[in-house]
Protein backbone atom coordinates (compact mmCIF):
# COMPACT_ATOMS: atom_id res chain seq x y z
CA MET A 1 167.79 30.18 106.12
CA ASN A 2 165.32 30.58 108.94
CA THR A 3 167.87 29.91 111.65
CA ARG A 4 170.16 32.57 110.26
CA LYS A 5 167.32 35.04 110.10
CA PHE A 6 166.38 34.20 113.74
CA TYR A 7 170.00 34.67 114.87
CA ARG A 8 170.23 38.09 113.25
CA THR A 9 167.00 39.16 114.91
CA VAL A 10 167.92 38.07 118.52
CA LYS A 11 171.55 38.92 118.43
CA PRO A 12 171.10 42.67 119.49
CA LEU A 13 168.71 41.47 122.18
CA ILE A 14 171.27 39.04 123.57
CA ALA A 15 173.90 41.80 123.80
CA ALA A 16 171.50 44.14 125.59
CA ALA A 17 170.54 41.28 128.01
CA SER A 18 174.20 40.65 128.77
CA VAL A 19 174.85 44.25 129.73
CA ILE A 20 171.74 44.30 131.94
CA ALA A 21 172.81 41.02 133.69
CA THR A 22 176.31 42.27 134.23
CA SER A 23 175.10 45.50 135.75
CA GLY A 24 172.72 43.51 138.10
CA ILE A 25 175.60 41.25 139.21
CA LEU A 26 177.78 44.23 139.88
CA VAL A 27 175.15 46.00 142.01
CA PHE A 28 174.33 42.83 143.92
CA THR A 29 178.06 42.26 144.65
CA ILE A 30 178.68 45.79 145.95
CA TYR A 31 175.69 45.91 148.30
CA PHE A 32 175.10 42.41 149.34
CA THR A 33 178.53 40.71 149.47
CA GLU A 34 181.90 41.29 151.11
CA LEU A 35 184.01 40.83 147.98
CA GLY A 36 187.11 42.93 147.81
CA PHE A 37 187.74 46.03 145.84
CA HIS A 38 189.62 44.20 143.03
CA TRP A 39 186.48 42.09 142.35
CA VAL A 40 184.40 45.12 142.13
CA THR A 41 186.80 46.71 139.75
CA PHE A 42 186.90 43.60 137.59
CA LEU A 43 183.11 43.46 137.31
CA THR A 44 183.00 47.15 136.58
CA GLY A 45 185.50 46.56 133.68
CA ILE A 46 183.31 43.82 132.36
CA LEU A 47 180.29 46.15 132.54
CA ILE A 48 182.10 49.01 130.74
CA ALA A 49 183.36 46.49 128.05
CA SER A 50 179.83 45.10 127.59
CA ILE A 51 178.43 48.74 127.25
CA LEU A 52 181.12 49.59 124.68
CA ALA A 53 180.41 46.38 122.71
CA VAL A 54 176.66 47.33 122.59
CA VAL A 55 177.42 50.90 121.57
CA THR A 56 179.84 49.71 118.86
CA ARG A 57 177.25 47.26 117.71
CA ALA A 58 174.61 49.97 117.59
CA SER A 59 176.91 52.33 115.76
CA HIS A 60 177.82 49.57 113.24
CA THR A 61 174.11 48.87 112.79
CA GLU A 62 173.37 52.54 112.27
CA TYR A 63 176.22 52.75 109.67
CA MET A 64 174.90 49.71 107.80
CA VAL A 65 171.42 51.15 107.83
CA THR A 66 172.70 54.42 106.44
CA ARG A 67 174.68 52.61 103.85
CA ARG A 68 171.87 50.39 102.79
CA THR A 69 169.51 53.34 102.64
CA ALA A 70 172.03 55.18 100.30
CA GLN A 71 172.35 52.11 98.15
CA LEU A 72 168.64 51.70 98.07
CA ALA A 73 168.21 55.31 97.01
CA ALA A 74 170.89 54.88 94.32
CA VAL A 75 169.16 51.77 93.04
CA LYS A 76 165.81 53.59 93.10
CA SER A 77 167.24 56.51 91.18
CA LYS A 78 168.84 54.12 88.61
CA LEU A 79 165.59 52.22 88.32
CA GLU A 80 163.63 55.45 87.74
CA ASP A 81 166.26 56.51 85.08
CA GLU A 82 165.84 53.13 83.35
CA ILE A 83 162.05 53.43 83.50
CA GLN A 84 162.21 56.83 81.92
CA LEU A 85 164.63 55.63 79.22
CA ARG A 86 162.31 52.71 78.54
CA LYS A 87 159.32 55.08 78.18
CA ASN A 88 161.32 57.34 75.90
CA ALA A 89 162.45 54.26 73.82
CA GLU A 90 158.78 52.98 73.64
CA LYS A 91 157.75 56.55 72.58
CA GLN A 92 160.43 56.65 69.93
CA MET A 93 159.48 53.20 68.76
CA ALA A 94 155.92 54.20 68.41
CA ALA A 95 156.99 57.16 66.39
CA GLU A 96 159.20 55.02 64.20
CA LYS A 97 156.47 52.52 63.68
CA SER A 98 154.75 54.47 60.98
CA ARG A 99 158.06 55.04 59.30
CA ILE A 100 158.76 51.31 59.28
CA ALA A 101 155.27 50.68 58.08
CA LEU A 102 155.92 53.15 55.28
CA ILE A 103 158.90 51.21 54.02
CA ASP A 104 157.14 47.83 54.53
CA GLU A 105 153.74 48.60 53.06
CA ASP A 106 153.73 51.89 51.05
CA LEU A 107 157.05 52.26 49.09
CA PRO A 108 157.01 50.70 45.67
CA ASN A 109 160.68 49.64 45.83
CA ILE A 110 161.48 45.96 46.45
CA VAL A 111 163.43 45.59 49.75
CA ALA A 112 164.80 42.59 51.31
CA LEU A 113 167.53 41.51 53.81
CA VAL A 114 169.64 38.39 53.33
CA ASP A 115 172.08 36.94 55.86
CA THR A 116 175.46 35.32 55.19
CA ASN A 117 173.71 32.03 54.62
CA LEU A 118 171.74 33.68 51.75
CA CYS A 119 168.51 33.19 53.70
CA PHE A 120 165.94 35.97 53.82
CA GLU A 121 165.57 37.72 57.18
CA TYR A 122 163.38 40.63 56.07
CA HIS A 123 161.18 41.48 53.04
CA ASN A 124 158.62 44.21 52.42
CA ARG A 125 155.23 43.92 50.77
CA ALA A 126 156.62 44.89 47.31
CA PHE A 127 159.04 41.95 47.56
CA ARG A 128 156.30 39.53 48.55
CA ASP A 129 154.12 40.78 45.65
CA TRP A 130 157.06 40.27 43.29
CA VAL A 131 157.55 36.65 44.29
CA SER A 132 153.89 35.99 44.84
CA LEU A 133 154.53 34.34 48.20
CA ARG A 134 153.33 34.91 51.82
CA ALA A 135 155.68 35.98 54.50
CA GLU A 136 155.82 32.58 56.25
CA GLN A 137 156.75 30.98 52.86
CA ILE A 138 159.81 33.34 52.52
CA ASN A 139 161.21 33.56 56.04
CA GLY A 140 164.42 31.58 56.44
CA GLN A 141 164.37 30.36 52.82
CA THR A 142 167.39 30.78 50.59
CA MET A 143 167.66 33.16 47.59
CA ARG A 144 167.84 30.20 45.14
CA ALA A 145 164.71 28.63 46.56
CA ILE A 146 162.66 31.82 46.45
CA LEU A 147 163.97 33.49 43.24
CA GLY A 148 164.80 30.38 41.28
CA SER A 149 168.19 29.18 39.97
CA MET A 150 168.02 31.32 36.84
CA THR A 151 167.49 34.54 38.59
CA TYR A 152 169.93 33.70 41.38
CA GLY A 153 172.48 32.92 38.72
CA GLU A 154 172.20 36.41 37.33
CA MET A 155 172.69 37.93 40.78
CA GLU A 156 175.45 35.57 42.02
CA ASN A 157 178.37 37.87 41.15
CA ALA A 158 176.77 40.75 43.01
CA VAL A 159 175.99 38.52 45.93
CA ARG A 160 179.64 37.54 46.23
CA GLN A 161 180.60 41.22 46.06
CA SER A 162 178.11 42.05 48.83
CA LEU A 163 179.41 39.34 51.13
CA ASN A 164 182.87 40.79 50.68
CA GLY A 165 181.54 44.11 52.04
CA LYS A 166 181.09 45.98 48.83
CA SER A 167 177.94 47.54 47.25
CA ALA A 168 176.77 46.46 43.95
CA ARG A 169 174.43 47.77 41.26
CA TYR A 170 173.14 46.05 38.14
CA THR A 171 170.08 45.58 36.00
CA LEU A 172 168.03 42.35 36.12
CA MET A 173 165.39 41.43 33.54
CA GLN A 174 162.54 39.95 35.57
CA LYS A 175 158.97 38.92 34.97
CA MET A 176 156.78 41.07 37.21
CA PRO A 177 153.47 39.90 38.97
CA LYS A 178 151.27 41.27 36.14
CA GLY A 179 153.01 39.12 33.68
CA LYS A 180 155.22 41.66 31.83
CA THR A 181 158.97 41.35 31.77
CA HIS A 182 160.56 44.50 33.20
CA PRO A 183 164.13 45.53 33.83
CA LEU A 184 164.87 46.06 37.51
CA SER A 185 167.52 48.38 38.71
CA VAL A 186 169.05 46.36 41.70
CA GLU A 187 171.34 47.63 44.40
CA HIS A 188 173.08 45.70 47.18
CA PHE A 189 174.10 47.29 50.44
CA PRO A 190 176.20 45.20 52.85
CA GLN A 191 175.27 45.07 56.57
CA PHE A 192 178.09 45.04 59.05
CA ALA A 193 177.93 43.66 62.63
CA GLN A 194 179.52 45.24 65.63
CA ASN A 195 182.71 43.30 65.10
CA GLY A 196 183.05 44.91 61.64
CA ARG A 197 182.24 41.68 59.75
CA VAL A 198 179.54 41.47 57.15
CA SER A 199 176.34 40.03 58.57
CA GLY A 200 174.31 40.07 55.40
CA PHE A 201 173.13 42.58 52.80
CA TYR A 202 170.13 44.51 51.77
CA ILE A 203 168.66 44.15 48.27
CA SER A 204 166.76 47.21 46.82
CA ALA A 205 165.19 47.00 43.43
CA SER A 206 162.95 49.27 41.41
CA ASP A 207 161.28 48.88 38.03
CA VAL A 208 163.37 50.76 35.49
CA ALA A 209 160.65 50.84 32.86
CA ASN A 210 158.34 52.76 35.12
CA ARG A 211 160.88 55.50 35.67
CA ALA A 212 159.82 57.20 32.49
CA GLU A 213 156.07 57.05 33.27
CA PRO A 214 155.46 59.37 36.19
CA ILE A 215 155.25 62.42 33.97
CA ARG A 216 152.60 60.67 31.87
CA ASP A 217 150.59 60.18 34.99
CA ALA A 218 150.90 63.89 35.62
CA VAL A 219 149.18 64.61 32.42
CA THR A 220 146.36 62.07 32.96
CA PRO A 221 146.26 61.75 36.70
CA VAL A 222 144.10 59.42 38.65
CA ILE A 223 141.79 61.58 40.75
CA ALA A 224 140.30 60.55 44.06
CA GLU A 225 136.90 61.44 45.30
CA ASN A 226 138.33 64.41 47.24
CA GLY A 227 139.88 65.87 44.08
CA GLU A 228 143.43 64.76 45.06
CA SER A 229 145.57 62.98 42.47
CA GLU A 230 147.11 59.63 43.21
CA GLN A 231 150.62 61.09 43.22
CA ASP A 232 149.54 63.91 45.54
CA MET A 233 147.96 61.31 47.89
CA PHE A 234 151.19 59.35 48.04
CA ILE A 235 153.31 62.49 48.66
CA HIS A 236 150.90 63.59 51.38
CA SER A 237 151.03 60.16 53.00
CA PHE A 238 154.78 60.05 52.69
CA THR A 239 155.42 63.38 54.26
CA GLU A 240 152.91 62.91 57.06
CA LYS A 241 154.53 59.65 58.02
CA VAL A 242 158.17 60.69 57.71
CA GLY A 243 157.83 63.90 59.69
CA GLY A 244 155.40 66.38 58.30
CA GLN A 245 155.36 68.56 55.22
CA LYS A 246 156.74 71.69 56.87
CA ASP A 247 159.85 69.94 58.12
CA ALA A 248 160.38 68.30 54.68
CA ILE A 249 160.10 71.58 52.85
CA ASN A 250 162.49 73.33 55.25
CA ARG A 251 164.92 70.47 54.84
CA ILE A 252 164.89 70.92 51.08
CA MET A 253 165.33 74.69 51.22
CA ALA A 254 168.08 74.35 53.87
CA ALA A 255 169.92 71.82 51.61
CA ILE A 256 169.87 74.24 48.70
CA GLU A 257 171.19 77.06 50.85
CA LYS A 258 173.88 74.92 52.54
CA ASP A 259 174.99 73.13 49.35
CA GLU A 260 173.91 69.78 50.67
CA PHE A 261 172.90 68.64 47.16
CA HIS A 262 175.56 66.86 45.13
CA LEU A 263 175.95 66.65 41.26
CA PHE A 264 176.17 63.22 39.70
CA CYS A 265 176.29 62.59 35.96
CA GLN A 266 175.66 59.77 33.52
CA LEU A 267 177.69 59.38 30.40
CA ILE A 268 175.97 59.79 27.01
CA ALA A 269 178.36 58.01 24.68
CA PRO A 270 178.52 58.42 20.85
CA LEU A 271 177.46 55.35 18.78
CA SER A 272 177.58 56.44 15.17
CA ALA A 273 180.50 58.02 13.33
CA GLY A 274 178.52 61.14 12.66
CA ALA A 275 178.07 61.80 16.39
CA GLY A 276 181.62 62.77 16.82
CA ASN A 277 183.97 61.81 19.59
CA ALA A 278 182.76 64.26 22.27
CA ARG A 279 181.36 62.71 25.37
CA HIS A 280 178.13 64.28 26.73
CA TYR A 281 176.69 63.91 30.30
CA GLU A 282 173.23 64.10 31.80
CA ILE A 283 173.33 65.95 35.18
CA LEU A 284 171.70 64.15 38.05
CA VAL A 285 171.09 65.49 41.59
CA ARG A 286 171.42 63.66 44.89
CA LEU A 287 170.77 64.91 48.43
CA GLN A 288 173.10 64.18 51.22
CA GLY A 289 171.37 62.16 53.87
CA GLU A 290 172.39 60.72 57.20
CA GLU A 291 175.90 59.47 57.69
CA ASP A 292 176.89 60.99 54.32
CA SER A 293 174.65 58.59 52.39
CA MET A 294 173.07 59.85 49.15
CA MET A 295 169.25 60.06 48.95
CA PRO A 296 167.90 59.19 45.52
CA PRO A 297 165.85 61.90 43.65
CA GLY A 298 162.61 59.95 44.16
CA ALA A 299 162.86 60.78 47.93
CA PHE A 300 162.69 64.53 47.48
CA PHE A 301 161.71 65.47 43.86
CA PRO A 302 157.98 64.88 44.27
CA LEU A 303 157.73 66.97 47.31
CA ALA A 304 159.92 69.81 45.75
CA GLU A 305 157.65 69.79 42.66
CA LYS A 306 154.48 69.75 44.78
CA HIS A 307 155.54 72.87 46.76
CA GLY A 308 157.13 74.86 44.00
CA LEU A 309 160.74 74.40 45.05
CA MET A 310 162.10 73.14 41.74
CA PRO A 311 162.97 76.49 40.32
CA HIS A 312 165.32 77.04 43.29
CA LEU A 313 166.87 73.60 42.79
CA ASP A 314 167.21 74.10 39.03
CA ARG A 315 169.02 77.32 39.43
CA TRP A 316 171.31 75.71 42.04
CA VAL A 317 172.13 73.06 39.50
CA VAL A 318 172.85 75.54 36.64
CA GLN A 319 175.12 77.64 38.85
CA HIS A 320 177.07 74.69 40.10
CA VAL A 321 177.53 73.03 36.70
CA ALA A 322 178.65 76.35 35.18
CA GLU A 323 181.06 76.84 38.10
CA TRP A 324 182.45 73.33 37.64
CA ILE A 325 183.00 73.78 33.93
CA SER A 326 184.72 77.17 34.62
CA ASN A 327 187.05 75.57 37.29
CA LYS A 328 187.96 72.82 34.83
CA LYS A 329 188.87 75.53 32.29
CA LEU A 330 191.13 77.25 34.90
CA GLN A 331 192.75 73.90 35.54
CA GLY A 332 193.54 73.54 31.86
CA VAL A 333 191.01 70.78 31.42
CA LYS A 334 188.74 71.57 28.45
CA HIS A 335 185.79 69.40 27.63
CA THR A 336 185.81 70.32 23.95
CA GLY A 337 182.45 69.69 22.41
CA SER A 338 181.02 68.10 25.56
CA ILE A 339 177.43 68.99 26.41
CA PHE A 340 175.86 68.75 29.85
CA PHE A 341 172.22 67.85 29.86
CA ILE A 342 170.13 69.43 32.60
CA ASN A 343 166.62 68.32 33.29
CA ILE A 344 164.27 71.28 33.66
CA ALA A 345 161.11 71.24 35.80
CA ASN A 346 157.69 72.61 34.68
CA ASP A 347 157.79 75.51 37.27
CA THR A 348 161.14 76.58 35.89
CA ILE A 349 159.83 76.61 32.32
CA SER A 350 157.15 79.01 33.60
CA ASP A 351 159.65 81.15 35.42
CA THR A 352 160.08 84.32 33.27
CA GLU A 353 163.24 85.24 35.15
CA PHE A 354 165.11 82.05 34.46
CA PRO A 355 166.58 83.03 31.09
CA VAL A 356 167.91 86.20 32.70
CA PHE A 357 169.53 84.16 35.45
CA LEU A 358 170.99 81.71 32.91
CA GLN A 359 172.61 84.50 30.91
CA GLN A 360 174.09 85.97 34.04
CA GLN A 361 175.62 82.62 35.06
CA LEU A 362 177.09 82.13 31.52
CA LEU A 363 178.76 85.61 31.73
CA LYS A 364 179.88 85.17 35.33
CA TYR A 365 181.70 81.90 34.71
CA ASP A 366 182.66 82.70 31.12
CA ILE A 367 181.44 79.47 29.52
CA PRO A 368 179.71 79.06 26.20
CA GLY A 369 175.92 78.48 26.20
CA ALA A 370 176.44 75.47 23.81
CA ALA A 371 177.88 73.52 26.76
CA LEU A 372 174.45 73.31 28.38
CA CYS A 373 171.46 71.51 26.94
CA PHE A 374 168.13 71.83 28.71
CA GLU A 375 166.11 68.61 28.68
CA ILE A 376 162.36 68.97 28.49
CA ALA A 377 159.98 65.99 28.94
CA GLY A 378 157.85 65.21 25.94
CA THR A 379 154.72 65.05 28.03
CA THR A 380 155.56 68.51 29.44
CA ALA A 381 155.79 69.85 25.87
CA ILE A 382 152.37 68.31 25.15
CA ALA A 383 150.87 70.11 28.18
CA ASP A 384 151.70 73.47 26.45
CA ILE A 385 152.96 75.53 29.39
CA GLY A 386 155.03 77.87 27.45
CA VAL A 387 157.73 75.44 26.42
CA ALA A 388 158.16 77.02 22.85
CA LYS A 389 158.83 80.42 24.37
CA PHE A 390 161.18 78.94 27.05
CA ALA A 391 163.11 77.05 24.32
CA GLN A 392 163.43 80.15 22.17
CA GLU A 393 164.79 82.25 25.06
CA VAL A 394 167.22 79.56 26.19
CA ARG A 395 168.47 79.15 22.60
CA GLN A 396 169.07 82.92 22.43
CA CYS A 397 171.57 82.39 25.29
CA GLY A 398 173.43 79.90 23.00
CA CYS A 399 172.18 76.76 24.85
CA GLN A 400 170.63 73.66 23.31
CA ILE A 401 167.34 71.89 23.82
CA ALA A 402 166.63 68.12 24.15
CA LEU A 403 163.15 66.47 24.07
CA SER A 404 163.15 63.42 26.34
CA GLY A 405 160.64 60.51 26.49
CA PHE A 406 160.24 60.73 22.70
CA GLY A 407 158.17 57.90 21.25
CA GLN A 408 155.77 57.66 24.23
CA GLU A 409 152.10 57.83 23.47
CA GLY A 410 151.30 61.41 22.30
CA VAL A 411 154.98 62.44 22.04
CA LEU A 412 155.32 62.57 18.27
CA PHE A 413 157.11 64.61 15.52
CA GLU A 414 154.27 67.13 15.50
CA LEU A 415 155.83 68.70 18.54
CA LEU A 416 158.87 69.70 16.52
CA GLN A 417 156.78 72.13 14.49
CA SER A 418 156.46 74.42 17.45
CA ILE A 419 159.70 73.54 19.40
CA LYS A 420 163.15 73.60 17.73
CA VAL A 421 165.19 70.99 19.35
CA ASP A 422 168.77 69.71 19.00
CA PHE A 423 168.34 66.22 20.48
CA LEU A 424 165.60 63.61 20.60
CA LYS A 425 166.03 61.22 23.53
CA ILE A 426 164.09 58.06 22.71
CA ASP A 427 162.08 56.80 25.61
CA GLY A 428 163.78 53.91 27.56
CA SER A 429 160.53 51.84 27.68
CA ILE A 430 160.87 51.52 23.89
CA ILE A 431 164.58 50.92 23.81
CA LEU A 432 164.27 47.98 26.36
CA HIS A 433 162.05 46.01 23.93
CA ILE A 434 163.65 46.49 20.53
CA LEU A 435 165.31 42.97 20.64
CA ARG A 436 162.12 41.24 21.49
CA ASP A 437 159.29 43.24 19.78
CA PRO A 438 159.48 44.16 16.00
CA ILE A 439 156.96 46.94 16.62
CA TYR A 440 159.33 48.79 18.99
CA LEU A 441 162.24 48.07 16.65
CA ALA A 442 160.30 49.65 13.77
CA LYS A 443 159.47 52.62 15.90
CA VAL A 444 163.10 53.29 16.75
CA SER A 445 164.15 52.89 13.14
CA ALA A 446 161.49 55.36 12.02
CA ILE A 447 162.53 57.87 14.60
CA SER A 448 166.21 57.58 13.58
CA GLN A 449 165.42 58.07 9.83
CA VAL A 450 163.19 61.10 10.34
CA ALA A 451 165.54 62.69 12.84
CA LYS A 452 168.34 62.52 10.36
CA LYS A 453 166.30 64.11 7.66
CA ILE A 454 165.40 67.11 9.85
CA GLY A 455 168.91 67.40 11.27
CA VAL A 456 168.15 66.45 14.87
CA LYS A 457 170.48 64.07 16.81
CA THR A 458 169.09 61.03 18.63
CA VAL A 459 169.91 59.59 22.07
CA ALA A 460 168.67 56.23 23.23
CA GLU A 461 167.73 56.05 26.94
CA LEU A 462 168.01 53.14 29.39
CA VAL A 463 170.44 51.16 27.26
CA GLU A 464 171.26 48.05 29.34
CA SER A 465 173.19 45.56 27.20
CA GLU A 466 175.81 45.17 24.48
CA GLU A 467 173.21 43.46 22.27
CA ILE A 468 171.04 46.64 22.41
CA ILE A 469 174.07 48.85 21.69
CA LYS A 470 174.84 46.83 18.65
CA LYS A 471 171.25 47.04 17.33
CA LEU A 472 171.15 50.80 17.99
CA ARG A 473 174.30 51.19 15.88
CA GLU A 474 172.68 49.34 13.03
CA LEU A 475 169.67 51.67 13.28
CA GLY A 476 171.86 54.73 13.05
CA ILE A 477 171.22 56.05 16.54
CA ASP A 478 173.74 58.79 17.36
CA SER A 479 174.31 58.29 21.12
CA ALA A 480 173.20 56.19 24.01
CA GLN A 481 173.03 56.27 27.82
CA GLY A 482 172.11 53.76 30.51
CA PHE A 483 173.78 51.26 32.78
CA GLY A 484 175.01 49.41 29.75
CA ILE A 485 177.05 52.48 28.92
CA SER A 486 177.96 53.81 32.32
CA PRO A 487 176.26 54.02 35.75
CA PRO A 488 175.77 57.52 37.39
CA ARG A 489 178.81 58.82 39.20
CA PRO A 490 179.86 62.06 40.98
CA ILE A 491 180.69 64.82 38.46
CA THR A 492 183.99 65.32 40.26
CA GLU A 493 185.14 61.92 38.81
CA ILE A 494 184.97 63.28 35.25
CA GLU A 495 188.53 63.79 34.00
């Protein structure tokens, strides 16, 4: 290597020395010898050739220097671009770090990633709390080893479906860390590699029994030292980490204006002969997220409620449900006797202009008011925010009223003295325990008997199994809804 370097260094010097030597010989020959003209001409030719060789070499060297300089400049520019890209990526990663921490540490949902060998690749804190294990005890272990053979057996069909590239949804009865057995609503989302093959799947689970409890917390909130409720603290933390309150509020308003919300529904099926054959549906709302995915209501409802956006969203729902029913009528499809249950927010109940808006929509789309049933949470009725007046005005439009979460603590028959309702929806946290706890069974039986005497129909919420359906029929419950009846689906799929 050193010899070559030395040769490249002295090579131009040798060429220059050759030219100088040839010139010296030619001058000496002309002045100091008697050589003939032809020798002088020969030596002159050699000198010219030597000079041309040096000039050519110098030109080539200059070309190579220019070329190398250009290449170096291009490499330098590329390096600067890559450095800038890396800085941008590091900046973006720093910005995403808080969002990742939010999923890993703050969200209550159980989240885990499983590879094709059914070994855990990722798990958030909620998952680790659920299985009561540390991260190092879970990493690389199989589902059967971590969850146990019994739980894995209940999940096995959904696991196979996920490995085939399909999503899955089901309910799993599981003992939670505090010792209580709760139903988990579980969803599987397949993960695809760049070659299009399944590389694993995500598991997302949430406690179904707790879905009926947030409103109760709103009545008796946990207050921090700064006067902020526990729910408000979570919403504030969530919005700050995900992108700021202002951006989130603008996102919701833009979604309402641009029709980015989508209507889903869940079947409320008749159980008893007296309930008739008509199928009713509870209307659900989903927000279109990135890549046409659907965001669950828990991702935007708390923020919409906190900043007074629910009346706008409730009006959007009423308008689009009325329009959908009207279009079905024009197509010759009549949902005779079907009722569409719409959950109504506290701020909408307090909105004195809502009944006027409702009447306008019924006239505009030429649909009977009886096709709509507005569902009011029992704990909202307890709070006494003008529910009785709202119910009276809505009923004057021909619509019906349902009281949900019935049977919770404080949600008793005394409410019916001030609010005339058509349906009592029995709280799902009670329904889930009627096969195991005689107290809950007696409670549902009493609700059914009293409801029949006062002419109010009953609907069981969160019905998850055929055994529960059979028991509800024995108790005389009129209708039921839940994953045991039908999972939520787009309203467009209703025939």
